[in-house]
């Protein structure tokens, strides 16, 4: 049985998510308006219409849930979920069917990452073609990194956590999380490791 905690800003939104996901093999054991209110012993947190950017910049520094699924059409959601360092995560479009949502929850609870095909095609690096020239923007980059984001990317390449990055740069951990999410979004990276890989390929990291 997969034990799910539902998160949405309104009671009606939480009830709608519960109705869409609960059934054989999946039990909703709690609900609330914020991710950080989820108990540590649930298998997965299911997010409703919370803006991913707000997740990245405004929540407390509690431990990230082990598995997260967001029901959203925001293309930044994947980078934001990856930036929270969850063990596994997924994105389901708001018009996805009940069967789609339940399948995504089951897969993410078992350690997989789940994305709609159209979003995955935008985020995943191309499997063929010549490597980019040194210093050129990595595949998927839509705008250049700021000087601060370059600093954060360098520290990511050194394997530092958000907390250590915050300590090194003299910023809050929330701000460090926000920078990591922004970097992943700009580089089209689904994970921190992929952001580092793309940064190295594009000559954006100085080691």
N, C-alpha and C. Protein backbone atom coordinates (compact mmCIF):
# COMPACT_ATOMS: atom_id res chain seq x y z
N UNK A 1 0.83 -1.19 0.00
CA UNK A 1 0.00 0.00 0.00
C UNK A 1 0.88 1.25 0.00
N UNK A 2 0.64 2.16 -0.93
CA UNK A 2 1.37 3.42 -1.00
C UNK A 2 0.62 4.46 -0.17
N UNK A 3 1.30 5.02 0.82
CA UNK A 3 0.70 5.99 1.74
C UNK A 3 1.02 7.40 1.25
N UNK A 4 -0.02 8.17 0.94
CA UNK A 4 0.13 9.47 0.28
C UNK A 4 -0.38 10.59 1.19
N UNK A 5 0.36 11.68 1.20
CA UNK A 5 -0.07 12.92 1.86
C UNK A 5 -0.38 13.94 0.77
N UNK A 6 -1.58 14.50 0.77
CA UNK A 6 -2.03 15.42 -0.27
C UNK A 6 -1.81 16.87 0.18
N UNK A 7 -1.26 17.68 -0.73
CA UNK A 7 -1.00 19.10 -0.45
C UNK A 7 -1.65 19.96 -1.52
N UNK A 8 -2.49 20.90 -1.10
CA UNK A 8 -3.10 21.89 -1.99
C UNK A 8 -3.53 23.06 -1.12
N UNK A 9 -3.61 24.27 -1.68
CA UNK A 9 -3.91 25.44 -0.86
C UNK A 9 -5.33 25.48 -0.30
N UNK A 10 -6.27 24.76 -0.90
CA UNK A 10 -7.65 24.82 -0.42
C UNK A 10 -8.15 23.42 -0.09
N UNK A 11 -9.15 23.35 0.80
CA UNK A 11 -9.75 22.07 1.16
C UNK A 11 -10.38 21.41 -0.06
N UNK A 12 -11.00 22.22 -0.93
CA UNK A 12 -11.63 21.67 -2.13
C UNK A 12 -10.59 21.05 -3.06
N UNK A 13 -9.44 21.72 -3.19
CA UNK A 13 -8.38 21.18 -4.02
C UNK A 13 -7.84 19.88 -3.48
N UNK A 14 -7.71 19.79 -2.16
CA UNK A 14 -7.21 18.56 -1.55
C UNK A 14 -8.21 17.43 -1.73
N UNK A 15 -9.51 17.74 -1.60
CA UNK A 15 -10.54 16.72 -1.79
C UNK A 15 -10.54 16.20 -3.23
N UNK A 16 -10.30 17.11 -4.18
CA UNK A 16 -10.29 16.70 -5.59
C UNK A 16 -9.10 15.78 -5.86
N UNK A 17 -7.94 16.10 -5.31
CA UNK A 17 -6.77 15.25 -5.49
C UNK A 17 -6.99 13.88 -4.85
N UNK A 18 -7.57 13.89 -3.65
CA UNK A 18 -7.84 12.62 -2.97
C UNK A 18 -8.73 11.72 -3.83
N UNK A 19 -9.78 12.32 -4.41
CA UNK A 19 -10.71 11.54 -5.23
C UNK A 19 -10.03 10.97 -6.46
N UNK A 20 -9.06 11.71 -7.02
CA UNK A 20 -8.39 11.27 -8.24
C UNK A 20 -7.36 10.17 -8.00
N UNK A 21 -6.76 10.14 -6.80
CA UNK A 21 -5.64 9.23 -6.60
C UNK A 21 -5.99 8.02 -5.73
N UNK A 22 -6.93 8.16 -4.81
CA UNK A 22 -7.16 7.09 -3.86
C UNK A 22 -7.87 5.91 -4.51
N UNK A 23 -7.47 4.71 -4.15
CA UNK A 23 -8.05 3.50 -4.71
C UNK A 23 -7.18 2.32 -4.35
N UNK A 24 -7.39 1.18 -5.00
CA UNK A 24 -6.60 -0.01 -4.68
C UNK A 24 -5.10 0.25 -4.77
N UNK A 25 -4.41 -0.03 -3.67
CA UNK A 25 -2.96 0.12 -3.65
C UNK A 25 -2.47 1.49 -3.25
N UNK A 26 -3.35 2.49 -3.21
CA UNK A 26 -2.95 3.85 -2.84
C UNK A 26 -3.93 4.38 -1.79
N UNK A 27 -3.41 4.80 -0.65
CA UNK A 27 -4.23 5.32 0.44
C UNK A 27 -3.77 6.72 0.80
N UNK A 28 -4.70 7.68 0.86
CA UNK A 28 -4.40 9.03 1.33
C UNK A 28 -4.51 9.02 2.85
N UNK A 29 -3.38 9.27 3.52
CA UNK A 29 -3.34 9.18 4.98
C UNK A 29 -3.30 10.54 5.65
N UNK A 30 -3.20 11.62 4.85
CA UNK A 30 -3.18 12.95 5.45
C UNK A 30 -3.23 14.00 4.37
N UNK A 31 -3.46 15.24 4.79
CA UNK A 31 -3.51 16.35 3.84
C UNK A 31 -3.19 17.64 4.56
N UNK A 32 -2.85 18.68 3.77
CA UNK A 32 -2.54 19.97 4.35
C UNK A 32 -2.21 20.98 3.28
N UNK A 33 -1.97 22.24 3.67
CA UNK A 33 -1.71 23.30 2.70
C UNK A 33 -0.25 23.45 2.30
N UNK A 34 0.70 22.74 2.98
CA UNK A 34 2.12 22.96 2.71
C UNK A 34 2.89 21.66 2.74
N UNK A 35 3.93 21.57 1.90
CA UNK A 35 4.75 20.36 1.83
C UNK A 35 5.40 20.06 3.16
N UNK A 36 5.89 21.08 3.84
CA UNK A 36 6.63 20.85 5.07
C UNK A 36 5.75 20.38 6.21
N UNK A 37 4.42 20.33 6.01
CA UNK A 37 3.53 19.77 7.02
C UNK A 37 3.34 18.28 6.89
N UNK A 38 3.92 17.67 5.84
CA UNK A 38 3.76 16.23 5.63
C UNK A 38 4.59 15.45 6.63
N UNK A 39 4.02 14.40 7.23
CA UNK A 39 4.81 13.57 8.15
C UNK A 39 5.92 12.82 7.42
N UNK A 40 6.96 12.49 8.15
CA UNK A 40 8.13 11.87 7.53
C UNK A 40 7.89 10.43 7.11
N UNK A 41 6.86 9.78 7.65
CA UNK A 41 6.69 8.36 7.38
C UNK A 41 5.77 8.05 6.20
N UNK A 42 5.31 9.09 5.45
CA UNK A 42 4.50 8.79 4.27
C UNK A 42 5.41 8.38 3.11
N UNK A 43 4.84 7.65 2.16
CA UNK A 43 5.63 7.20 1.01
C UNK A 43 5.79 8.28 -0.05
N UNK A 44 4.81 9.19 -0.14
CA UNK A 44 4.83 10.17 -1.23
C UNK A 44 3.97 11.37 -0.86
N UNK A 45 4.39 12.54 -1.34
CA UNK A 45 3.60 13.76 -1.20
C UNK A 45 3.07 14.15 -2.57
N UNK A 46 1.76 14.34 -2.66
CA UNK A 46 1.10 14.72 -3.91
C UNK A 46 0.72 16.19 -3.84
N UNK A 47 1.27 16.98 -4.77
CA UNK A 47 1.08 18.43 -4.76
C UNK A 47 0.01 18.83 -5.77
N UNK A 48 -0.85 19.76 -5.33
CA UNK A 48 -1.85 20.30 -6.23
C UNK A 48 -1.35 21.54 -6.94
N UNK A 49 -2.02 22.65 -6.75
CA UNK A 49 -1.74 23.84 -7.56
C UNK A 49 -0.74 24.78 -6.92
N UNK A 50 0.11 24.29 -6.03
CA UNK A 50 1.14 25.17 -5.46
C UNK A 50 2.12 25.58 -6.54
N UNK A 51 2.42 26.88 -6.68
CA UNK A 51 3.39 27.30 -7.69
C UNK A 51 4.77 26.74 -7.37
N UNK A 52 5.43 26.06 -8.32
CA UNK A 52 6.76 25.51 -8.05
C UNK A 52 7.77 26.53 -7.59
N UNK A 53 7.73 27.77 -8.11
CA UNK A 53 8.70 28.78 -7.70
C UNK A 53 8.53 29.10 -6.22
N UNK A 54 7.28 29.15 -5.75
CA UNK A 54 7.03 29.40 -4.34
C UNK A 54 7.61 28.27 -3.50
N UNK A 55 7.50 27.04 -3.98
CA UNK A 55 8.11 25.92 -3.28
C UNK A 55 9.60 26.11 -3.13
N UNK A 56 10.23 26.60 -4.18
CA UNK A 56 11.69 26.71 -4.16
C UNK A 56 12.18 27.79 -3.24
N UNK A 57 11.41 28.88 -3.09
CA UNK A 57 11.97 30.03 -2.40
C UNK A 57 11.34 30.33 -1.05
N UNK A 58 10.17 29.73 -0.74
CA UNK A 58 9.49 30.20 0.43
C UNK A 58 9.27 29.21 1.54
N UNK A 59 9.69 27.97 1.40
CA UNK A 59 9.39 27.00 2.42
C UNK A 59 10.52 26.89 3.42
N UNK A 60 10.20 26.32 4.57
CA UNK A 60 11.20 26.18 5.60
C UNK A 60 12.23 25.14 5.21
N UNK A 61 13.27 25.06 5.99
CA UNK A 61 14.40 24.21 5.61
C UNK A 61 14.26 22.80 6.13
N UNK A 62 13.04 22.29 6.25
CA UNK A 62 12.84 20.93 6.69
C UNK A 62 13.34 19.94 5.65
N UNK A 63 13.44 18.68 6.07
CA UNK A 63 13.92 17.66 5.15
C UNK A 63 12.96 17.48 4.00
N UNK A 64 13.49 17.27 2.81
CA UNK A 64 12.65 17.05 1.64
C UNK A 64 11.96 15.71 1.75
N UNK A 65 10.67 15.63 1.35
CA UNK A 65 10.02 14.32 1.33
C UNK A 65 10.77 13.38 0.39
N UNK A 66 10.64 12.06 0.65
CA UNK A 66 11.36 11.11 -0.17
C UNK A 66 10.87 11.05 -1.59
N UNK A 67 9.56 11.28 -1.82
CA UNK A 67 8.99 11.20 -3.16
C UNK A 67 7.93 12.28 -3.31
N UNK A 68 7.93 12.94 -4.46
CA UNK A 68 7.02 14.05 -4.73
C UNK A 68 6.40 13.90 -6.11
N UNK A 69 5.10 14.14 -6.22
CA UNK A 69 4.43 14.24 -7.52
C UNK A 69 3.65 15.54 -7.54
N UNK A 70 3.87 16.36 -8.57
CA UNK A 70 3.16 17.63 -8.72
C UNK A 70 2.18 17.54 -9.88
N UNK A 71 0.95 17.99 -9.65
CA UNK A 71 -0.05 18.08 -10.71
C UNK A 71 -0.06 19.54 -11.16
N UNK A 72 0.59 19.82 -12.28
CA UNK A 72 0.79 21.19 -12.71
C UNK A 72 1.13 21.25 -14.19
N UNK A 73 0.88 22.39 -14.80
CA UNK A 73 1.29 22.63 -16.18
C UNK A 73 2.48 23.58 -16.26
N UNK A 74 3.05 23.94 -15.10
CA UNK A 74 4.19 24.85 -15.06
C UNK A 74 5.44 24.12 -15.52
N UNK A 75 6.11 24.56 -16.60
CA UNK A 75 7.29 23.85 -17.10
C UNK A 75 8.48 23.91 -16.15
N UNK A 76 8.43 24.80 -15.15
CA UNK A 76 9.53 24.89 -14.19
C UNK A 76 9.43 23.85 -13.08
N UNK A 77 8.33 23.10 -13.04
CA UNK A 77 8.10 22.19 -11.92
C UNK A 77 9.18 21.13 -11.80
N UNK A 78 9.63 20.57 -12.93
CA UNK A 78 10.63 19.50 -12.87
C UNK A 78 11.91 19.98 -12.21
N UNK A 79 12.39 21.16 -12.63
CA UNK A 79 13.62 21.70 -12.05
C UNK A 79 13.45 21.99 -10.57
N UNK A 80 12.27 22.48 -10.19
CA UNK A 80 12.03 22.81 -8.79
C UNK A 80 11.99 21.55 -7.93
N UNK A 81 11.31 20.52 -8.40
CA UNK A 81 11.25 19.28 -7.64
C UNK A 81 12.64 18.67 -7.51
N UNK A 82 13.42 18.68 -8.58
CA UNK A 82 14.78 18.16 -8.52
C UNK A 82 15.62 18.96 -7.52
N UNK A 83 15.39 20.29 -7.47
CA UNK A 83 16.14 21.14 -6.56
C UNK A 83 15.87 20.87 -5.10
N UNK A 84 14.73 20.23 -4.81
CA UNK A 84 14.43 19.89 -3.41
C UNK A 84 15.15 18.63 -2.96
N UNK A 85 15.89 17.99 -3.87
CA UNK A 85 16.69 16.80 -3.54
C UNK A 85 15.84 15.64 -3.06
N UNK A 86 14.62 15.52 -3.58
CA UNK A 86 13.79 14.36 -3.27
C UNK A 86 14.41 13.11 -3.90
N UNK A 87 14.15 11.97 -3.29
CA UNK A 87 14.67 10.70 -3.83
C UNK A 87 14.11 10.44 -5.22
N UNK A 88 12.85 10.69 -5.43
CA UNK A 88 12.21 10.51 -6.72
C UNK A 88 11.06 11.50 -6.83
N UNK A 89 10.67 11.81 -8.07
CA UNK A 89 9.65 12.84 -8.25
C UNK A 89 9.00 12.68 -9.61
N UNK A 90 7.85 13.35 -9.78
CA UNK A 90 7.16 13.28 -11.05
C UNK A 90 6.28 14.49 -11.27
N UNK A 91 5.94 14.73 -12.54
CA UNK A 91 5.06 15.82 -12.93
C UNK A 91 3.94 15.23 -13.78
N UNK A 92 2.70 15.57 -13.42
CA UNK A 92 1.53 15.12 -14.17
C UNK A 92 0.76 16.36 -14.59
N UNK A 93 0.41 16.51 -15.87
CA UNK A 93 -0.36 17.70 -16.29
C UNK A 93 -1.73 17.75 -15.64
N UNK A 94 -2.26 18.95 -15.50
CA UNK A 94 -3.54 19.11 -14.81
C UNK A 94 -4.69 18.41 -15.52
N UNK A 95 -4.56 18.20 -16.83
CA UNK A 95 -5.62 17.50 -17.55
C UNK A 95 -5.34 16.00 -17.68
N UNK A 96 -4.36 15.50 -16.96
CA UNK A 96 -4.07 14.07 -16.97
C UNK A 96 -5.22 13.28 -16.37
N UNK A 97 -5.39 12.08 -16.81
CA UNK A 97 -6.49 11.25 -16.32
C UNK A 97 -6.19 10.71 -14.93
N UNK A 98 -7.23 10.17 -14.29
CA UNK A 98 -7.05 9.53 -12.99
C UNK A 98 -6.07 8.37 -13.11
N UNK A 99 -6.18 7.61 -14.19
CA UNK A 99 -5.27 6.48 -14.40
C UNK A 99 -3.83 6.97 -14.55
N UNK A 100 -3.63 8.09 -15.27
CA UNK A 100 -2.29 8.66 -15.43
C UNK A 100 -1.71 9.04 -14.07
N UNK A 101 -2.51 9.71 -13.26
CA UNK A 101 -2.04 10.18 -11.97
C UNK A 101 -1.68 9.00 -11.06
N UNK A 102 -2.54 7.99 -11.02
CA UNK A 102 -2.26 6.83 -10.17
C UNK A 102 -1.01 6.08 -10.65
N UNK A 103 -0.84 5.99 -11.97
CA UNK A 103 0.35 5.32 -12.50
C UNK A 103 1.62 6.09 -12.14
N UNK A 104 1.54 7.43 -12.22
CA UNK A 104 2.70 8.25 -11.86
C UNK A 104 3.05 8.11 -10.38
N UNK A 105 2.04 8.12 -9.53
CA UNK A 105 2.26 7.97 -8.09
C UNK A 105 2.91 6.62 -7.80
N UNK A 106 2.42 5.56 -8.44
CA UNK A 106 2.98 4.23 -8.22
C UNK A 106 4.44 4.17 -8.67
N UNK A 107 4.75 4.77 -9.82
CA UNK A 107 6.12 4.73 -10.33
C UNK A 107 7.07 5.54 -9.45
N UNK A 108 6.66 6.76 -9.07
CA UNK A 108 7.53 7.61 -8.25
C UNK A 108 7.75 6.99 -6.88
N UNK A 109 6.71 6.38 -6.32
CA UNK A 109 6.86 5.73 -5.01
C UNK A 109 7.88 4.60 -5.06
N UNK A 110 8.11 4.06 -6.26
CA UNK A 110 9.08 2.97 -6.43
C UNK A 110 10.46 3.50 -6.87
N UNK A 111 10.63 4.83 -6.87
CA UNK A 111 11.95 5.38 -7.12
C UNK A 111 12.20 5.91 -8.51
N UNK A 112 11.15 6.00 -9.35
CA UNK A 112 11.32 6.50 -10.71
C UNK A 112 11.02 7.99 -10.80
N UNK A 113 11.55 8.64 -11.84
CA UNK A 113 11.16 10.00 -12.20
C UNK A 113 10.16 9.90 -13.34
N UNK A 114 9.09 10.70 -13.27
CA UNK A 114 8.02 10.63 -14.27
C UNK A 114 7.78 12.02 -14.84
N UNK A 115 7.77 12.12 -16.17
CA UNK A 115 7.49 13.38 -16.85
C UNK A 115 6.57 13.12 -18.03
N UNK A 116 5.72 14.10 -18.40
CA UNK A 116 5.01 13.99 -19.67
C UNK A 116 6.01 13.94 -20.81
N UNK A 117 5.69 13.21 -21.87
CA UNK A 117 6.63 13.02 -22.97
C UNK A 117 7.09 14.35 -23.57
N UNK A 118 6.17 15.30 -23.72
CA UNK A 118 6.53 16.58 -24.34
C UNK A 118 7.55 17.33 -23.48
N UNK A 119 7.38 17.28 -22.16
CA UNK A 119 8.32 17.97 -21.27
C UNK A 119 9.65 17.24 -21.23
N UNK A 120 9.62 15.91 -21.23
CA UNK A 120 10.86 15.14 -21.21
C UNK A 120 11.70 15.43 -22.45
N UNK A 121 11.04 15.59 -23.60
CA UNK A 121 11.78 15.87 -24.84
C UNK A 121 12.51 17.20 -24.76
N UNK A 122 11.96 18.15 -24.01
CA UNK A 122 12.60 19.47 -23.87
C UNK A 122 13.75 19.42 -22.88
N UNK A 123 13.62 18.58 -21.83
CA UNK A 123 14.60 18.60 -20.75
C UNK A 123 15.78 17.67 -20.97
N UNK A 124 15.56 16.51 -21.61
CA UNK A 124 16.62 15.53 -21.74
C UNK A 124 17.63 15.96 -22.79
N UNK A 125 18.92 15.73 -22.55
CA UNK A 125 19.92 16.11 -23.54
C UNK A 125 19.77 15.28 -24.80
N UNK A 126 20.14 15.86 -25.95
CA UNK A 126 20.06 15.13 -27.20
C UNK A 126 21.03 13.95 -27.20
N UNK A 127 20.58 12.83 -27.74
CA UNK A 127 21.39 11.61 -27.70
C UNK A 127 22.46 11.59 -28.77
N UNK A 128 22.38 12.44 -29.78
CA UNK A 128 23.35 12.43 -30.85
C UNK A 128 23.71 13.84 -31.26
N UNK A 129 24.67 13.95 -32.16
CA UNK A 129 25.08 15.26 -32.62
C UNK A 129 26.40 15.65 -32.02
N UNK A 130 27.10 16.61 -32.62
CA UNK A 130 28.43 16.99 -32.14
C UNK A 130 28.33 17.71 -30.80
N UNK A 131 29.34 17.59 -29.94
CA UNK A 131 29.34 18.31 -28.67
C UNK A 131 29.43 19.80 -28.91
N UNK A 132 28.87 20.61 -27.99
CA UNK A 132 28.93 22.05 -28.18
C UNK A 132 30.35 22.58 -28.05
N UNK A 133 30.63 23.67 -28.72
CA UNK A 133 31.94 24.30 -28.60
C UNK A 133 32.13 24.84 -27.20
N UNK A 134 33.38 24.88 -26.74
CA UNK A 134 33.67 25.37 -25.40
C UNK A 134 33.16 26.79 -25.24
N UNK A 135 32.43 27.02 -24.13
CA UNK A 135 31.91 28.35 -23.86
C UNK A 135 30.55 28.61 -24.44
N UNK A 136 30.04 27.72 -25.31
CA UNK A 136 28.71 27.94 -25.88
C UNK A 136 27.65 27.49 -24.90
N UNK A 137 26.43 28.04 -24.98
CA UNK A 137 25.39 27.66 -24.03
C UNK A 137 25.05 26.19 -24.18
N UNK A 138 24.84 25.45 -23.08
CA UNK A 138 24.46 24.05 -23.17
C UNK A 138 23.10 23.91 -23.82
N UNK A 139 22.81 22.70 -24.35
CA UNK A 139 21.49 22.44 -24.92
C UNK A 139 20.43 22.76 -23.88
N UNK A 140 19.38 23.42 -24.29
CA UNK A 140 18.26 23.69 -23.40
C UNK A 140 18.38 25.00 -22.65
N UNK A 141 19.56 25.67 -22.65
CA UNK A 141 19.69 26.93 -21.94
C UNK A 141 18.90 28.01 -22.67
N UNK A 142 18.04 28.71 -21.93
CA UNK A 142 17.22 29.74 -22.56
C UNK A 142 17.71 31.13 -22.23
N UNK A 143 18.54 31.29 -21.22
CA UNK A 143 19.10 32.59 -20.88
C UNK A 143 20.38 32.36 -20.09
N UNK A 144 21.32 33.31 -20.13
CA UNK A 144 22.60 33.10 -19.45
C UNK A 144 22.44 33.09 -17.93
N UNK A 145 23.36 32.42 -17.27
CA UNK A 145 23.37 32.42 -15.81
C UNK A 145 23.89 33.75 -15.29
N UNK A 146 23.35 34.19 -14.17
CA UNK A 146 23.87 35.39 -13.52
C UNK A 146 25.20 35.06 -12.84
N UNK A 147 25.99 36.08 -12.49
CA UNK A 147 27.24 35.80 -11.78
C UNK A 147 27.03 34.97 -10.51
N UNK A 148 25.98 35.25 -9.76
CA UNK A 148 25.71 34.48 -8.54
C UNK A 148 25.37 33.03 -8.89
N UNK A 149 24.58 32.82 -9.96
CA UNK A 149 24.24 31.46 -10.37
C UNK A 149 25.49 30.70 -10.81
N UNK A 150 26.44 31.40 -11.46
CA UNK A 150 27.69 30.76 -11.84
C UNK A 150 28.45 30.29 -10.58
N UNK A 151 28.45 31.13 -9.54
CA UNK A 151 29.10 30.75 -8.28
C UNK A 151 28.44 29.51 -7.69
N UNK A 152 27.09 29.51 -7.68
CA UNK A 152 26.37 28.37 -7.12
C UNK A 152 26.64 27.11 -7.94
N UNK A 153 26.69 27.24 -9.26
CA UNK A 153 26.97 26.08 -10.11
C UNK A 153 28.36 25.53 -9.83
N UNK A 154 29.34 26.39 -9.64
CA UNK A 154 30.68 25.93 -9.28
C UNK A 154 30.66 25.11 -8.00
N UNK A 155 29.88 25.58 -7.02
CA UNK A 155 29.81 24.88 -5.73
C UNK A 155 29.03 23.57 -5.86
N UNK A 156 28.01 23.55 -6.73
CA UNK A 156 27.31 22.29 -7.01
C UNK A 156 28.29 21.26 -7.58
N UNK A 157 29.18 21.72 -8.45
CA UNK A 157 30.16 20.83 -9.06
C UNK A 157 31.11 20.25 -8.02
N UNK A 158 31.27 20.95 -6.89
CA UNK A 158 32.12 20.45 -5.82
C UNK A 158 31.36 19.51 -4.88
N UNK A 159 30.06 19.29 -5.18
CA UNK A 159 29.26 18.36 -4.39
C UNK A 159 28.67 18.94 -3.13
N UNK A 160 28.63 20.27 -3.02
CA UNK A 160 28.11 20.89 -1.81
C UNK A 160 26.59 20.82 -1.76
N UNK A 161 26.05 20.67 -0.56
CA UNK A 161 24.60 20.71 -0.35
C UNK A 161 24.13 22.16 -0.36
N UNK A 162 22.81 22.35 -0.41
CA UNK A 162 22.27 23.71 -0.35
C UNK A 162 22.74 24.44 0.91
N UNK A 163 22.78 23.72 2.03
CA UNK A 163 23.20 24.36 3.28
C UNK A 163 24.65 24.82 3.21
N UNK A 164 25.53 23.97 2.66
CA UNK A 164 26.94 24.34 2.56
C UNK A 164 27.14 25.47 1.55
N UNK A 165 26.36 25.46 0.48
CA UNK A 165 26.43 26.56 -0.49
C UNK A 165 26.03 27.87 0.19
N UNK A 166 24.95 27.82 0.98
CA UNK A 166 24.50 29.02 1.68
C UNK A 166 25.58 29.54 2.62
N UNK A 167 26.23 28.63 3.35
CA UNK A 167 27.29 29.04 4.28
C UNK A 167 28.47 29.65 3.53
N UNK A 168 28.85 29.03 2.41
CA UNK A 168 30.00 29.51 1.65
C UNK A 168 29.76 30.90 1.07
N UNK A 169 28.51 31.17 0.63
CA UNK A 169 28.22 32.44 -0.03
C UNK A 169 27.60 33.48 0.90
N UNK A 170 27.33 33.10 2.14
CA UNK A 170 26.74 34.04 3.08
C UNK A 170 25.30 34.40 2.76
N UNK A 171 24.54 33.42 2.25
CA UNK A 171 23.13 33.64 1.92
C UNK A 171 22.30 32.63 2.70
N UNK A 172 20.97 32.78 2.67
CA UNK A 172 20.11 31.83 3.36
C UNK A 172 20.00 30.53 2.57
N UNK A 173 19.63 29.45 3.25
CA UNK A 173 19.45 28.18 2.55
C UNK A 173 18.29 28.27 1.56
N UNK A 174 17.25 29.05 1.91
CA UNK A 174 16.14 29.25 0.97
C UNK A 174 16.63 29.88 -0.32
N UNK A 175 17.49 30.88 -0.20
CA UNK A 175 18.03 31.54 -1.39
C UNK A 175 18.89 30.59 -2.19
N UNK A 176 19.67 29.75 -1.52
CA UNK A 176 20.48 28.76 -2.22
C UNK A 176 19.59 27.80 -3.01
N UNK A 177 18.49 27.36 -2.39
CA UNK A 177 17.54 26.48 -3.09
C UNK A 177 16.99 27.16 -4.33
N UNK A 178 16.65 28.44 -4.18
CA UNK A 178 16.09 29.19 -5.31
C UNK A 178 17.10 29.26 -6.45
N UNK A 179 18.37 29.52 -6.14
CA UNK A 179 19.40 29.60 -7.18
C UNK A 179 19.57 28.25 -7.88
N UNK A 180 19.55 27.16 -7.10
CA UNK A 180 19.70 25.83 -7.70
C UNK A 180 18.54 25.55 -8.65
N UNK A 181 17.31 25.89 -8.22
CA UNK A 181 16.15 25.68 -9.09
C UNK A 181 16.25 26.52 -10.36
N UNK A 182 16.71 27.76 -10.22
CA UNK A 182 16.85 28.63 -11.39
C UNK A 182 17.90 28.09 -12.35
N UNK A 183 19.01 27.59 -11.82
CA UNK A 183 20.07 27.02 -12.66
C UNK A 183 19.54 25.82 -13.44
N UNK A 184 18.84 24.92 -12.75
CA UNK A 184 18.29 23.74 -13.42
C UNK A 184 17.32 24.15 -14.52
N UNK A 185 16.50 25.17 -14.23
CA UNK A 185 15.54 25.62 -15.23
C UNK A 185 16.22 26.22 -16.46
N UNK A 186 17.25 27.04 -16.23
CA UNK A 186 17.94 27.69 -17.35
C UNK A 186 18.73 26.69 -18.19
N UNK A 187 19.29 25.67 -17.54
CA UNK A 187 20.09 24.69 -18.27
C UNK A 187 19.25 23.54 -18.81
N UNK A 188 17.94 23.54 -18.49
CA UNK A 188 17.09 22.44 -18.92
C UNK A 188 17.48 21.13 -18.26
N UNK A 189 17.94 21.21 -17.01
CA UNK A 189 18.41 20.02 -16.29
C UNK A 189 17.34 19.53 -15.33
N UNK A 190 17.14 18.23 -15.28
CA UNK A 190 16.13 17.65 -14.38
C UNK A 190 16.70 17.37 -13.00
N UNK A 191 18.02 17.31 -12.86
CA UNK A 191 18.65 17.04 -11.57
C UNK A 191 19.86 17.94 -11.39
N UNK A 192 20.35 18.01 -10.16
CA UNK A 192 21.57 18.78 -9.87
C UNK A 192 22.75 18.21 -10.64
N UNK A 193 22.85 16.87 -10.68
CA UNK A 193 23.96 16.25 -11.39
C UNK A 193 23.92 16.59 -12.88
N UNK A 194 22.73 16.61 -13.45
CA UNK A 194 22.62 16.95 -14.87
C UNK A 194 22.99 18.40 -15.11
N UNK A 195 22.64 19.28 -14.16
CA UNK A 195 23.01 20.68 -14.30
C UNK A 195 24.54 20.83 -14.31
N UNK A 196 25.22 20.07 -13.45
CA UNK A 196 26.68 20.11 -13.43
C UNK A 196 27.24 19.60 -14.75
N UNK A 197 26.69 18.49 -15.25
CA UNK A 197 27.16 17.92 -16.52
C UNK A 197 27.01 18.92 -17.65
N UNK A 198 25.84 19.57 -17.71
CA UNK A 198 25.61 20.55 -18.77
C UNK A 198 26.50 21.77 -18.61
N UNK A 199 26.74 22.16 -17.36
CA UNK A 199 27.62 23.28 -17.12
C UNK A 199 29.05 22.98 -17.56
N UNK A 200 29.50 21.76 -17.30
CA UNK A 200 30.84 21.38 -17.75
C UNK A 200 30.93 21.36 -19.26
N UNK A 201 29.90 20.79 -19.91
CA UNK A 201 29.91 20.72 -21.37
C UNK A 201 29.91 22.11 -22.01
N UNK A 202 29.24 23.06 -21.35
CA UNK A 202 29.15 24.38 -21.90
C UNK A 202 30.23 25.34 -21.45
N UNK A 203 31.21 24.84 -20.67
CA UNK A 203 32.29 25.69 -20.19
C UNK A 203 31.85 26.71 -19.16
N UNK A 204 30.79 26.39 -18.40
CA UNK A 204 30.27 27.33 -17.42
C UNK A 204 30.84 27.12 -16.03
N UNK A 205 31.59 26.04 -15.83
CA UNK A 205 32.10 25.70 -14.51
C UNK A 205 33.62 25.85 -14.51
N UNK A 206 34.13 26.50 -13.48
CA UNK A 206 35.58 26.63 -13.30
C UNK A 206 35.99 25.82 -12.08
N UNK A 207 36.72 24.73 -12.29
CA UNK A 207 37.11 23.84 -11.21
C UNK A 207 38.57 24.08 -10.82
